[in-house]
């Protein structure tokens, strides 16, 4: 079974989880990178990121260098911005076709996750969603425990796929 981790990470939280899932399940990795990343810090980072998410902006991302058709299982991860997925995922969902895949969803957040998984499932209609999991500030809140949680979850997903 060919596995792929697709994710966007702004501050490194989602990258921590994605990298550990990838190592655990021996998956390829596709990090979504905007051509022009938000450079704000502090409150302004939340303002610009939240505005982009709420306005459903689709920033230009660097080219996807993976053949998505070859993967049987795809994990997709994102930070939560304004109770939804980050804008680079909007671009990805809009420009890359995923259908008939086994998909597992994960997110990282500082506050609440809102309805992020419902929104991701809507964007991924036509795929088999195997599971979802969220992590609250994994870099700040006991990174080792969050990594272990991600590893156990990933193993359970591979076993169900």
N, C-alpha and C. Protein backbone atom coordinates (compact mmCIF):
# COMPACT_ATOMS: atom_id res chain seq x y z
N UNK A 1 0.85 -1.18 0.00
CA UNK A 1 0.00 0.00 0.00
C UNK A 1 0.90 1.24 0.00
N UNK A 2 0.67 2.12 -0.96
CA UNK A 2 1.43 3.37 -1.05
C UNK A 2 0.73 4.45 -0.22
N UNK A 3 1.52 5.13 0.62
CA UNK A 3 0.96 6.12 1.55
C UNK A 3 1.62 7.48 1.33
N UNK A 4 0.81 8.53 1.53
CA UNK A 4 1.29 9.90 1.36
C UNK A 4 0.74 10.77 2.48
N UNK A 5 1.60 11.64 3.00
CA UNK A 5 1.19 12.66 3.97
C UNK A 5 1.19 13.99 3.23
N UNK A 6 0.05 14.67 3.20
CA UNK A 6 -0.05 16.00 2.62
C UNK A 6 -0.36 16.95 3.77
N UNK A 7 0.42 18.02 3.88
CA UNK A 7 0.15 18.94 4.98
C UNK A 7 0.66 20.34 4.68
N UNK A 8 0.12 21.28 5.44
CA UNK A 8 0.63 22.65 5.49
C UNK A 8 0.89 22.95 6.96
N UNK A 9 2.02 23.61 7.23
CA UNK A 9 2.36 23.98 8.60
C UNK A 9 2.89 25.40 8.60
N UNK A 10 2.35 26.22 9.49
CA UNK A 10 2.79 27.61 9.59
C UNK A 10 3.86 27.78 10.66
N UNK A 11 3.62 27.19 11.83
CA UNK A 11 4.54 27.37 12.96
C UNK A 11 5.29 26.10 13.35
N UNK A 12 5.04 25.01 12.64
CA UNK A 12 5.75 23.78 12.93
C UNK A 12 4.95 22.72 13.66
N UNK A 13 3.79 23.06 14.19
CA UNK A 13 2.98 22.08 14.90
C UNK A 13 2.52 20.95 13.98
N UNK A 14 1.95 21.32 12.84
CA UNK A 14 1.45 20.31 11.91
C UNK A 14 2.61 19.53 11.31
N UNK A 15 3.75 20.18 11.09
CA UNK A 15 4.94 19.48 10.58
C UNK A 15 5.39 18.40 11.57
N UNK A 16 5.40 18.72 12.87
CA UNK A 16 5.79 17.73 13.88
C UNK A 16 4.94 16.47 13.76
N UNK A 17 3.64 16.66 13.68
CA UNK A 17 2.73 15.51 13.59
C UNK A 17 2.92 14.79 12.25
N UNK A 18 2.97 15.54 11.15
CA UNK A 18 3.11 14.94 9.82
C UNK A 18 4.39 14.12 9.70
N UNK A 19 5.50 14.67 10.18
CA UNK A 19 6.77 13.96 10.08
C UNK A 19 6.75 12.65 10.86
N UNK A 20 6.13 12.66 12.03
CA UNK A 20 6.07 11.44 12.83
C UNK A 20 5.11 10.41 12.26
N UNK A 21 4.02 10.86 11.68
CA UNK A 21 3.13 9.92 10.99
C UNK A 21 3.87 9.29 9.81
N UNK A 22 4.58 10.13 9.05
CA UNK A 22 5.30 9.64 7.87
C UNK A 22 6.32 8.57 8.25
N UNK A 23 7.08 8.82 9.32
CA UNK A 23 8.07 7.84 9.77
C UNK A 23 7.39 6.55 10.22
N UNK A 24 6.28 6.68 10.92
CA UNK A 24 5.58 5.52 11.47
C UNK A 24 5.03 4.61 10.39
N UNK A 25 4.41 5.20 9.37
CA UNK A 25 3.74 4.39 8.34
C UNK A 25 4.56 4.28 7.05
N UNK A 26 5.80 4.80 7.08
CA UNK A 26 6.68 4.77 5.91
C UNK A 26 5.99 5.38 4.69
N UNK A 27 5.62 6.66 4.85
CA UNK A 27 4.89 7.37 3.80
C UNK A 27 5.76 8.42 3.14
N UNK A 28 5.43 8.72 1.90
CA UNK A 28 6.01 9.88 1.22
C UNK A 28 5.38 11.13 1.82
N UNK A 29 6.01 12.27 1.63
CA UNK A 29 5.53 13.52 2.22
C UNK A 29 5.42 14.59 1.15
N UNK A 30 4.31 15.32 1.20
CA UNK A 30 4.10 16.49 0.35
C UNK A 30 3.72 17.65 1.26
N UNK A 31 4.67 18.59 1.44
CA UNK A 31 4.37 19.78 2.22
C UNK A 31 3.89 20.86 1.27
N UNK A 32 2.69 21.38 1.52
CA UNK A 32 2.15 22.46 0.70
C UNK A 32 2.81 23.76 1.13
N UNK A 33 3.38 24.47 0.18
CA UNK A 33 4.08 25.72 0.49
C UNK A 33 3.55 26.84 -0.40
N UNK A 34 3.03 27.90 0.22
CA UNK A 34 2.59 29.06 -0.58
C UNK A 34 3.80 29.77 -1.20
N UNK A 35 3.60 30.33 -2.38
CA UNK A 35 4.67 31.11 -2.99
C UNK A 35 4.99 32.33 -2.14
N UNK A 36 3.96 32.91 -1.52
CA UNK A 36 4.15 34.08 -0.66
C UNK A 36 3.54 33.78 0.70
N UNK A 37 4.36 33.35 1.64
CA UNK A 37 3.89 33.00 2.99
C UNK A 37 3.58 34.26 3.79
N UNK A 38 2.59 34.16 4.68
CA UNK A 38 2.29 35.25 5.61
C UNK A 38 3.52 35.45 6.48
N UNK A 39 3.95 36.68 6.61
CA UNK A 39 5.15 36.96 7.39
C UNK A 39 4.86 37.65 8.72
N UNK A 40 3.62 37.89 9.00
CA UNK A 40 3.26 38.59 10.23
C UNK A 40 3.55 37.75 11.46
N UNK A 41 3.69 38.43 12.58
CA UNK A 41 3.91 37.77 13.86
C UNK A 41 2.88 38.29 14.85
N UNK A 42 2.78 37.64 16.01
CA UNK A 42 1.88 38.09 17.06
C UNK A 42 0.43 38.15 16.60
N UNK A 43 -0.29 39.15 17.04
CA UNK A 43 -1.70 39.29 16.72
C UNK A 43 -1.95 39.39 15.22
N UNK A 44 -1.08 40.10 14.51
CA UNK A 44 -1.29 40.31 13.08
C UNK A 44 -1.26 39.00 12.30
N UNK A 45 -0.51 38.04 12.77
CA UNK A 45 -0.48 36.72 12.13
C UNK A 45 -1.89 36.12 12.16
N UNK A 46 -2.55 36.23 13.32
CA UNK A 46 -3.91 35.69 13.44
C UNK A 46 -4.89 36.50 12.61
N UNK A 47 -4.69 37.80 12.57
CA UNK A 47 -5.58 38.66 11.78
C UNK A 47 -5.50 38.29 10.30
N UNK A 48 -4.29 38.28 9.74
CA UNK A 48 -4.13 37.99 8.31
C UNK A 48 -4.48 36.55 7.98
N UNK A 49 -4.07 35.61 8.82
CA UNK A 49 -4.40 34.21 8.57
C UNK A 49 -5.89 33.95 8.68
N UNK A 50 -6.53 34.51 9.72
CA UNK A 50 -7.96 34.34 9.89
C UNK A 50 -8.75 34.97 8.75
N UNK A 51 -8.33 36.16 8.33
CA UNK A 51 -8.99 36.83 7.21
C UNK A 51 -8.88 35.97 5.95
N UNK A 52 -7.69 35.46 5.68
CA UNK A 52 -7.49 34.63 4.49
C UNK A 52 -8.38 33.39 4.52
N UNK A 53 -8.49 32.77 5.69
CA UNK A 53 -9.32 31.57 5.82
C UNK A 53 -10.80 31.91 5.67
N UNK A 54 -11.25 32.97 6.34
CA UNK A 54 -12.66 33.34 6.29
C UNK A 54 -13.08 33.79 4.89
N UNK A 55 -12.17 34.42 4.17
CA UNK A 55 -12.49 34.89 2.82
C UNK A 55 -12.28 33.79 1.77
N UNK A 56 -11.92 32.59 2.27
CA UNK A 56 -11.70 31.43 1.39
C UNK A 56 -10.67 31.74 0.30
N UNK A 57 -9.61 32.46 0.71
CA UNK A 57 -8.55 32.79 -0.24
C UNK A 57 -7.83 31.51 -0.66
N UNK A 58 -7.33 31.54 -1.87
CA UNK A 58 -6.59 30.40 -2.43
C UNK A 58 -5.23 30.92 -2.90
N UNK A 59 -4.26 30.96 -1.99
CA UNK A 59 -2.94 31.46 -2.37
C UNK A 59 -2.25 30.52 -3.35
N UNK A 60 -1.43 31.07 -4.21
CA UNK A 60 -0.67 30.24 -5.13
C UNK A 60 0.32 29.41 -4.32
N UNK A 61 0.35 28.10 -4.60
CA UNK A 61 1.28 27.22 -3.90
C UNK A 61 2.33 26.70 -4.88
N UNK A 62 3.45 26.27 -4.32
CA UNK A 62 4.49 25.68 -5.16
C UNK A 62 3.93 24.41 -5.81
N UNK A 63 4.44 24.02 -6.95
CA UNK A 63 3.88 22.86 -7.67
C UNK A 63 3.89 21.58 -6.83
N UNK A 64 2.82 20.81 -7.00
CA UNK A 64 2.70 19.51 -6.35
C UNK A 64 3.58 18.54 -7.15
N UNK A 65 4.56 17.95 -6.46
CA UNK A 65 5.54 17.10 -7.15
C UNK A 65 5.31 15.61 -6.92
N UNK A 66 4.10 15.24 -6.60
CA UNK A 66 3.75 13.83 -6.38
C UNK A 66 2.62 13.43 -7.33
N UNK A 67 2.66 12.19 -7.79
CA UNK A 67 1.58 11.63 -8.60
C UNK A 67 0.55 11.07 -7.64
N UNK A 68 -0.50 11.84 -7.38
CA UNK A 68 -1.50 11.47 -6.38
C UNK A 68 -2.22 10.17 -6.71
N UNK A 69 -2.28 9.82 -7.98
CA UNK A 69 -2.97 8.59 -8.40
C UNK A 69 -2.32 7.33 -7.85
N UNK A 70 -1.03 7.37 -7.55
CA UNK A 70 -0.33 6.16 -7.13
C UNK A 70 -0.53 5.81 -5.65
N UNK A 71 -1.16 6.70 -4.89
CA UNK A 71 -1.29 6.48 -3.45
C UNK A 71 -2.66 5.89 -3.10
N UNK A 72 -2.62 4.88 -2.21
CA UNK A 72 -3.84 4.22 -1.74
C UNK A 72 -4.39 4.87 -0.48
N UNK A 73 -3.49 5.43 0.33
CA UNK A 73 -3.87 6.03 1.61
C UNK A 73 -3.20 7.39 1.72
N UNK A 74 -4.00 8.40 1.99
CA UNK A 74 -3.48 9.76 2.09
C UNK A 74 -3.90 10.37 3.43
N UNK A 75 -2.93 10.83 4.20
CA UNK A 75 -3.17 11.58 5.42
C UNK A 75 -3.08 13.06 5.05
N UNK A 76 -4.04 13.86 5.52
CA UNK A 76 -4.03 15.29 5.21
C UNK A 76 -4.10 16.07 6.52
N UNK A 77 -3.13 16.99 6.71
CA UNK A 77 -3.05 17.75 7.95
C UNK A 77 -2.95 19.24 7.72
N UNK A 78 -3.49 19.99 8.69
CA UNK A 78 -3.53 21.45 8.60
C UNK A 78 -3.64 22.08 9.97
N UNK A 79 -3.16 23.31 10.11
CA UNK A 79 -3.52 24.07 11.30
C UNK A 79 -4.97 24.55 11.14
N UNK A 80 -5.59 24.87 12.24
CA UNK A 80 -6.95 25.43 12.21
C UNK A 80 -6.82 26.94 12.18
N UNK A 81 -7.39 27.55 11.17
CA UNK A 81 -7.43 29.01 11.05
C UNK A 81 -8.89 29.41 10.94
N UNK A 82 -9.37 30.19 11.89
CA UNK A 82 -10.76 30.67 11.88
C UNK A 82 -11.74 29.50 11.71
N UNK A 83 -11.49 28.42 12.44
CA UNK A 83 -12.34 27.23 12.51
C UNK A 83 -12.43 26.46 11.20
N UNK A 84 -11.43 26.63 10.34
CA UNK A 84 -11.39 25.88 9.09
C UNK A 84 -9.93 25.56 8.75
N UNK A 85 -9.73 24.91 7.62
CA UNK A 85 -8.37 24.57 7.21
C UNK A 85 -7.67 25.79 6.61
N UNK A 86 -6.35 25.75 6.65
CA UNK A 86 -5.53 26.86 6.17
C UNK A 86 -5.69 27.04 4.65
N UNK A 87 -5.58 28.29 4.18
CA UNK A 87 -5.78 28.58 2.76
C UNK A 87 -4.96 27.74 1.77
N UNK A 88 -3.71 27.34 2.07
CA UNK A 88 -3.03 26.49 1.09
C UNK A 88 -3.77 25.18 0.81
N UNK A 89 -4.53 24.67 1.78
CA UNK A 89 -5.33 23.48 1.51
C UNK A 89 -6.50 23.81 0.60
N UNK A 90 -7.05 25.02 0.72
CA UNK A 90 -8.11 25.43 -0.22
C UNK A 90 -7.60 25.37 -1.64
N UNK A 91 -6.40 25.88 -1.84
CA UNK A 91 -5.78 25.84 -3.18
C UNK A 91 -5.59 24.40 -3.63
N UNK A 92 -5.05 23.57 -2.75
CA UNK A 92 -4.82 22.17 -3.08
C UNK A 92 -6.12 21.48 -3.45
N UNK A 93 -7.16 21.62 -2.62
CA UNK A 93 -8.44 20.97 -2.89
C UNK A 93 -9.04 21.45 -4.21
N UNK A 94 -8.80 22.72 -4.54
CA UNK A 94 -9.36 23.31 -5.75
C UNK A 94 -8.60 22.89 -7.01
N UNK A 95 -7.32 22.58 -6.88
CA UNK A 95 -6.50 22.33 -8.07
C UNK A 95 -6.07 20.88 -8.26
N UNK A 96 -6.19 20.06 -7.23
CA UNK A 96 -5.77 18.66 -7.33
C UNK A 96 -6.96 17.76 -7.07
N UNK A 97 -7.17 16.83 -7.95
CA UNK A 97 -8.32 15.94 -7.84
C UNK A 97 -7.97 14.70 -7.01
N UNK A 98 -8.73 14.51 -5.95
CA UNK A 98 -8.62 13.29 -5.15
C UNK A 98 -10.01 12.64 -5.14
N UNK A 99 -10.07 11.41 -5.57
CA UNK A 99 -11.35 10.71 -5.58
C UNK A 99 -11.10 9.21 -5.42
N UNK A 100 -11.95 8.58 -4.63
CA UNK A 100 -11.83 7.15 -4.42
C UNK A 100 -10.65 6.74 -3.57
N UNK A 101 -10.12 7.66 -2.79
CA UNK A 101 -8.96 7.38 -1.94
C UNK A 101 -9.38 7.11 -0.50
N UNK A 102 -8.55 6.36 0.21
CA UNK A 102 -8.69 6.24 1.65
C UNK A 102 -7.93 7.43 2.24
N UNK A 103 -8.62 8.22 3.07
CA UNK A 103 -8.06 9.47 3.58
C UNK A 103 -8.23 9.53 5.09
N UNK A 104 -7.20 10.03 5.77
CA UNK A 104 -7.26 10.28 7.21
C UNK A 104 -6.89 11.74 7.44
N UNK A 105 -7.62 12.39 8.34
CA UNK A 105 -7.48 13.83 8.55
C UNK A 105 -6.92 14.15 9.92
N UNK A 106 -6.02 15.13 9.98
CA UNK A 106 -5.53 15.60 11.27
C UNK A 106 -5.36 17.11 11.24
N UNK A 107 -5.47 17.70 12.43
CA UNK A 107 -5.31 19.15 12.54
C UNK A 107 -4.63 19.50 13.85
N UNK A 108 -4.04 20.70 13.86
CA UNK A 108 -3.43 21.25 15.06
C UNK A 108 -4.07 22.61 15.31
N UNK A 109 -4.34 22.91 16.58
CA UNK A 109 -5.02 24.16 16.90
C UNK A 109 -4.58 24.68 18.26
N UNK A 110 -4.76 25.97 18.43
CA UNK A 110 -4.45 26.59 19.71
C UNK A 110 -5.68 26.76 20.56
N UNK A 111 -6.82 26.91 19.93
CA UNK A 111 -8.09 27.08 20.65
C UNK A 111 -8.97 25.89 20.39
N UNK A 112 -9.98 26.09 19.57
CA UNK A 112 -10.89 25.00 19.23
C UNK A 112 -10.72 24.60 17.79
N UNK A 113 -11.17 23.39 17.47
CA UNK A 113 -11.06 22.92 16.09
C UNK A 113 -12.29 23.29 15.26
N UNK A 114 -13.35 23.74 15.93
CA UNK A 114 -14.54 24.12 15.18
C UNK A 114 -15.03 22.96 14.33
N UNK A 115 -15.56 23.28 13.17
CA UNK A 115 -16.08 22.25 12.26
C UNK A 115 -15.10 21.89 11.16
N UNK A 116 -13.81 21.97 11.47
CA UNK A 116 -12.79 21.75 10.44
C UNK A 116 -12.93 20.41 9.72
N UNK A 117 -13.21 19.35 10.45
CA UNK A 117 -13.27 18.03 9.80
C UNK A 117 -14.48 17.92 8.88
N UNK A 118 -15.60 18.50 9.26
CA UNK A 118 -16.77 18.51 8.37
C UNK A 118 -16.44 19.28 7.08
N UNK A 119 -15.73 20.39 7.22
CA UNK A 119 -15.36 21.19 6.04
C UNK A 119 -14.38 20.42 5.16
N UNK A 120 -13.44 19.73 5.77
CA UNK A 120 -12.49 18.95 4.99
C UNK A 120 -13.21 17.79 4.27
N UNK A 121 -14.14 17.15 4.96
CA UNK A 121 -14.88 16.05 4.36
C UNK A 121 -15.69 16.54 3.16
N UNK A 122 -16.27 17.73 3.27
CA UNK A 122 -17.02 18.30 2.15
C UNK A 122 -16.08 18.52 0.96
N UNK A 123 -14.90 19.07 1.22
CA UNK A 123 -13.93 19.31 0.15
C UNK A 123 -13.41 18.00 -0.44
N UNK A 124 -13.47 16.93 0.33
CA UNK A 124 -12.95 15.63 -0.10
C UNK A 124 -14.06 14.64 -0.45
N UNK A 125 -15.22 15.15 -0.81
CA UNK A 125 -16.34 14.29 -1.17
C UNK A 125 -15.89 13.30 -2.27
N UNK A 126 -16.32 12.07 -2.13
CA UNK A 126 -15.93 11.04 -3.10
C UNK A 126 -14.76 10.20 -2.63
N UNK A 127 -14.31 10.46 -1.40
CA UNK A 127 -13.22 9.69 -0.80
C UNK A 127 -13.74 8.98 0.44
N UNK A 128 -13.03 7.96 0.87
CA UNK A 128 -13.38 7.20 2.06
C UNK A 128 -12.58 7.74 3.24
N UNK A 129 -13.23 8.46 4.14
CA UNK A 129 -12.55 9.05 5.29
C UNK A 129 -12.44 7.98 6.38
N UNK A 130 -11.20 7.62 6.71
CA UNK A 130 -10.94 6.55 7.67
C UNK A 130 -10.89 7.02 9.11
N UNK A 131 -10.62 8.29 9.32
CA UNK A 131 -10.52 8.79 10.69
C UNK A 131 -10.05 10.22 10.74
N UNK A 132 -10.12 10.77 11.93
CA UNK A 132 -9.70 12.15 12.15
C UNK A 132 -9.19 12.28 13.57
N UNK A 133 -8.25 13.21 13.76
CA UNK A 133 -7.69 13.44 15.08
C UNK A 133 -7.18 14.87 15.14
N UNK A 134 -7.26 15.46 16.34
CA UNK A 134 -6.75 16.82 16.51
C UNK A 134 -5.74 16.86 17.64
N UNK A 135 -4.87 17.85 17.55
CA UNK A 135 -3.80 18.05 18.52
C UNK A 135 -3.81 19.53 18.92
N UNK A 136 -3.82 19.78 20.23
CA UNK A 136 -3.81 21.17 20.70
C UNK A 136 -2.37 21.59 21.00
N UNK A 137 -1.88 22.55 20.21
CA UNK A 137 -0.52 23.09 20.38
C UNK A 137 0.50 22.00 20.71
N UNK A 138 0.72 21.04 19.83
CA UNK A 138 1.60 19.91 20.18
C UNK A 138 3.04 20.30 20.50
N UNK A 139 3.55 21.39 19.96
CA UNK A 139 4.91 21.79 20.30
C UNK A 139 5.01 22.36 21.72
N UNK A 140 3.91 22.93 22.22
CA UNK A 140 3.91 23.54 23.56
C UNK A 140 3.39 22.60 24.63
N UNK A 141 2.45 21.75 24.26
CA UNK A 141 1.75 20.89 25.23
C UNK A 141 2.25 19.46 25.15
N UNK A 142 3.36 19.18 25.80
CA UNK A 142 3.91 17.83 25.88
C UNK A 142 4.11 17.20 24.50
N UNK A 143 5.11 17.70 23.77
CA UNK A 143 5.36 17.18 22.42
C UNK A 143 5.51 15.66 22.36
N UNK A 144 6.18 15.07 23.35
CA UNK A 144 6.37 13.61 23.31
C UNK A 144 5.03 12.87 23.38
N UNK A 145 4.13 13.33 24.23
CA UNK A 145 2.82 12.68 24.34
C UNK A 145 2.02 12.86 23.05
N UNK A 146 2.13 14.04 22.42
CA UNK A 146 1.41 14.27 21.17
C UNK A 146 1.98 13.43 20.04
N UNK A 147 3.29 13.28 20.00
CA UNK A 147 3.91 12.42 18.99
C UNK A 147 3.44 10.98 19.18
N UNK A 148 3.41 10.51 20.42
CA UNK A 148 2.95 9.15 20.69
C UNK A 148 1.49 8.97 20.27
N UNK A 149 0.66 9.98 20.55
CA UNK A 149 -0.75 9.94 20.15
C UNK A 149 -0.86 9.84 18.63
N UNK A 150 -0.03 10.60 17.91
CA UNK A 150 -0.05 10.57 16.45
C UNK A 150 0.39 9.21 15.91
N UNK A 151 1.43 8.65 16.52
CA UNK A 151 1.95 7.34 16.10
C UNK A 151 0.88 6.26 16.28
N UNK A 152 0.25 6.23 17.44
CA UNK A 152 -0.78 5.22 17.70
C UNK A 152 -1.96 5.37 16.74
N UNK A 153 -2.37 6.62 16.51
CA UNK A 153 -3.48 6.86 15.60
C UNK A 153 -3.12 6.42 14.18
N UNK A 154 -1.92 6.78 13.72
CA UNK A 154 -1.49 6.42 12.37
C UNK A 154 -1.48 4.91 12.18
N UNK A 155 -0.97 4.20 13.19
CA UNK A 155 -0.97 2.73 13.10
C UNK A 155 -2.39 2.18 13.01
N UNK A 156 -3.32 2.76 13.75
CA UNK A 156 -4.70 2.28 13.70
C UNK A 156 -5.33 2.56 12.33
N UNK A 157 -4.97 3.68 11.72
CA UNK A 157 -5.50 4.01 10.39
C UNK A 157 -4.95 3.03 9.35
N UNK A 158 -3.67 2.76 9.39
CA UNK A 158 -3.08 1.82 8.43
C UNK A 158 -3.71 0.45 8.59
N UNK A 159 -4.00 0.06 9.82
CA UNK A 159 -4.64 -1.22 10.06
C UNK A 159 -6.06 -1.28 9.54
N UNK A 160 -6.74 -0.12 9.44
CA UNK A 160 -8.13 -0.10 8.95
C UNK A 160 -8.22 0.12 7.45
N UNK A 161 -7.12 0.59 6.84
CA UNK A 161 -7.15 0.92 5.40
C UNK A 161 -6.93 -0.22 4.56
